[in-house]
Structure formats: C-alpha cells, structure tokens
Amino acid sequence: MAHRKAGGSAKNLKDSNAQYLGTKLYAGQDAKPGAILVRQRGTKIIAGKGVKTGKDHTIFAITEGKVSFTSKRKTGFNGKTKVYKVANVTA
C-alpha cells in the first residue's frame, strides 16, 4: 500500500507586495497639482513651498511649477540640530 506521510505546512513561503516607495519626480521636472513627488515611510523629506504631506507621509504638489530639493537645518527640543531635505514646487 503506497502512501505518503504528512508533509506539514510552511508558514513563511508567502511574499509581500512591493511598496513602490521613493522619489517620483526629480529636481527640474514639471509638477501639476496633485502630482506625487515622494512616497516614503516617515518624514525623511519634509514639505516646503507648494507641496503638502499626506497621511502616509507622501509628499504631493498643490501648485503647478518646477520641482526643487533644498536642505534645511532644524533644532529639536533637546537642542540637537538635524539637516532635513525639503521638497518644493515653485512657479
């Protein structure tokens, strides 16, 4: 009587969906209102002029213009300074 013994079940063979994070429009490119500039986890890049931040920290344009990235120094409550990248859309 040929039969097969129980093979068990593997729980870690599933793959998760890709997140598609990163910069979608680069410096010098044209952006229309609502265009996504950066998809990110957390605020690695902060919103500047002409852009807003979504609830999942996505940075999107609210005005029409050219995309630019600058840096900004911010001082925290503990006195430490940190340099942030700032996304802007200017006409």
C-alpha atoms as a PDB file:
ATOM      1  CA  MET A   1       0.000   0.000   0.000  1.00  0.00           C
ATOM      2  CA  ALA A   2       1.856   3.057  -1.258  1.00  0.00           C
ATOM      3  CA  HIS A   3       1.079   6.225   0.637  1.00  0.00           C
ATOM      4  CA  ARG A   4       2.735   9.451   1.619  1.00  0.00           C
ATOM      5  CA  LYS A   5       3.341  10.674   5.137  1.00  0.00           C
ATOM      6  CA  ALA A   6       2.162  14.098   6.276  1.00  0.00           C
ATOM      7  CA  GLY A   7       4.310  16.853   4.745  1.00  0.00           C
ATOM      8  CA  GLY A   8       3.387  19.592   7.190  1.00  0.00           C
ATOM      9  CA  SER A   9       2.741  23.170   6.206  1.00  0.00           C
ATOM     10  CA  ALA A  10       5.191  26.016   5.678  1.00  0.00           C
ATOM     11  CA  LYS A  11       4.098  29.373   7.023  1.00  0.00           C
ATOM     12  CA  ASN A  12       6.804  31.612   5.607  1.00  0.00           C
ATOM     13  CA  LEU A  13       6.601  30.946   1.867  1.00  0.00           C
ATOM     14  CA  LYS A  14       4.391  33.928   1.006  1.00  0.00           C
ATOM     15  CA  ASP A  15       5.913  37.083  -0.478  1.00  0.00           C
ATOM     16  CA  SER A  16       4.605  40.559   0.320  1.00  0.00           C
ATOM     17  CA  ASN A  17       3.592  43.120  -2.299  1.00  0.00           C
ATOM     18  CA  ALA A  18       6.139  45.711  -3.414  1.00  0.00           C
ATOM     19  CA  GLN A  19       5.715  49.134  -1.768  1.00  0.00           C
ATOM     20  CA  TYR A  20       6.927  51.290  -4.709  1.00  0.00           C
ATOM     21  CA  LEU A  21       8.480  53.911  -2.436  1.00  0.00           C
ATOM     22  CA  GLY A  22      10.947  56.609  -3.457  1.00  0.00           C
ATOM     23  CA  THR A  23      11.180  59.816  -5.455  1.00  0.00           C
ATOM     24  CA  LYS A  24       8.684  60.018  -8.318  1.00  0.00           C
ATOM     25  CA  LEU A  25       9.549  63.483  -9.688  1.00  0.00           C
ATOM     26  CA  TYR A  26      13.112  64.791  -9.597  1.00  0.00           C
ATOM     27  CA  ALA A  27      14.524  68.337  -9.431  1.00  0.00           C
ATOM     28  CA  GLY A  28      13.831  70.373 -12.560  1.00  0.00           C
ATOM     29  CA  GLN A  29      10.808  68.341 -13.653  1.00  0.00           C
ATOM     30  CA  ASP A  30       7.370  69.921 -14.052  1.00  0.00           C
ATOM     31  CA  ALA A  31       4.676  69.088 -11.493  1.00  0.00           C
ATOM     32  CA  LYS A  32       0.925  69.604 -11.751  1.00  0.00           C
ATOM     33  CA  PRO A  33      -1.350  69.960  -8.717  1.00  0.00           C
ATOM     34  CA  GLY A  34      -1.833  66.550  -7.100  1.00  0.00           C
ATOM     35  CA  ALA A  35       1.331  65.046  -8.598  1.00  0.00           C
ATOM     36  CA  ILE A  36       3.206  62.789  -6.172  1.00  0.00           C
ATOM     37  CA  LEU A  37       6.814  63.863  -5.627  1.00  0.00           C
ATOM     38  CA  VAL A  38       7.986  61.396  -2.963  1.00  0.00           C
ATOM     39  CA  ARG A  39       6.491  58.251  -1.397  1.00  0.00           C
ATOM     40  CA  GLN A  40       8.166  57.487   1.908  1.00  0.00           C
ATOM     41  CA  ARG A  41       7.846  55.852   5.311  1.00  0.00           C
ATOM     42  CA  GLY A  42       8.270  58.590   7.898  1.00  0.00           C
ATOM     43  CA  THR A  43       9.336  62.136   7.068  1.00  0.00           C
ATOM     44  CA  LYS A  44      12.826  61.717   5.640  1.00  0.00           C
ATOM     45  CA  ILE A  45      11.980  64.558   3.237  1.00  0.00           C
ATOM     46  CA  ILE A  46       9.769  67.369   4.571  1.00  0.00           C
ATOM     47  CA  ALA A  47       7.270  69.538   2.700  1.00  0.00           C
ATOM     48  CA  GLY A  48       8.292  73.026   1.596  1.00  0.00           C
ATOM     49  CA  LYS A  49       6.605  75.640  -0.594  1.00  0.00           C
ATOM     50  CA  GLY A  50       3.880  74.463  -2.947  1.00  0.00           C
ATOM     51  CA  VAL A  51       3.662  70.951  -1.505  1.00  0.00           C
ATOM     52  CA  LYS A  52       1.770  69.152   1.265  1.00  0.00           C
ATOM     53  CA  THR A  53       2.234  65.900   3.180  1.00  0.00           C
ATOM     54  CA  GLY A  54      -0.352  63.110   3.042  1.00  0.00           C
ATOM     55  CA  LYS A  55      -1.356  60.874   5.937  1.00  0.00           C
ATOM     56  CA  ASP A  56       1.153  58.205   4.877  1.00  0.00           C
ATOM     57  CA  HIS A  57       3.914  60.887   4.612  1.00  0.00           C
ATOM     58  CA  THR A  58       3.576  61.086   0.818  1.00  0.00           C
ATOM     59  CA  ILE A  59       4.661  64.489  -0.495  1.00  0.00           C
ATOM     60  CA  PHE A  60       2.468  65.871  -3.284  1.00  0.00           C
ATOM     61  CA  ALA A  61       2.231  69.143  -5.215  1.00  0.00           C
ATOM     62  CA  ILE A  62      -0.562  71.661  -4.582  1.00  0.00           C
ATOM     63  CA  THR A  63       0.593  74.200  -7.187  1.00  0.00           C
ATOM     64  CA  GLU A  64       1.930  73.960 -10.718  1.00  0.00           C
ATOM     65  CA  GLY A  65       5.637  74.529 -11.262  1.00  0.00           C
ATOM     66  CA  LYS A  66       9.111  73.032 -11.182  1.00  0.00           C
ATOM     67  CA  VAL A  67      10.306  70.630  -8.517  1.00  0.00           C
ATOM     68  CA  SER A  68      13.334  71.548  -6.418  1.00  0.00           C
ATOM     69  CA  PHE A  69      15.003  69.982  -3.395  1.00  0.00           C
ATOM     70  CA  THR A  70      16.822  72.048  -0.790  1.00  0.00           C
ATOM     71  CA  SER A  71      18.146  71.370   2.698  1.00  0.00           C
ATOM     72  CA  LYS A  72      17.036  72.931   5.970  1.00  0.00           C
ATOM     73  CA  ARG A  73      18.504  72.829   9.466  1.00  0.00           C
ATOM     74  CA  LYS A  74      16.044  72.194  12.280  1.00  0.00           C
ATOM     75  CA  THR A  75      16.731  72.298  16.008  1.00  0.00           C
ATOM     76  CA  GLY A  76      14.892  69.763  18.138  1.00  0.00           C
ATOM     77  CA  PHE A  77      13.566  70.175  21.663  1.00  0.00           C
ATOM     78  CA  ASN A  78      16.742  68.681  23.082  1.00  0.00           C
ATOM     79  CA  GLY A  79      18.951  71.217  21.286  1.00  0.00           C
ATOM     80  CA  LYS A  80      20.242  68.841  18.605  1.00  0.00           C
ATOM     81  CA  THR A  81      20.295  70.133  15.046  1.00  0.00           C
ATOM     82  CA  LYS A  82      19.390  67.892  12.130  1.00  0.00           C
ATOM     83  CA  VAL A  83      19.608  68.606   8.410  1.00  0.00           C
ATOM     84  CA  TYR A  84      16.413  67.736   6.536  1.00  0.00           C
ATOM     85  CA  LYS A  85      15.806  67.577   2.806  1.00  0.00           C
ATOM     86  CA  VAL A  86      12.918  69.846   1.735  1.00  0.00           C
ATOM     87  CA  ALA A  87      10.778  69.332  -1.387  1.00  0.00           C
ATOM     88  CA  ASN A  88       9.437  72.472  -3.112  1.00  0.00           C
ATOM     89  CA  VAL A  89       7.331  73.274  -6.167  1.00  0.00           C
ATOM     90  CA  THR A  90       7.825  76.831  -7.428  1.00  0.00           C
ATOM     91  CA  ALA A  91       6.429  78.581 -10.472  1.00  0.00           C
END
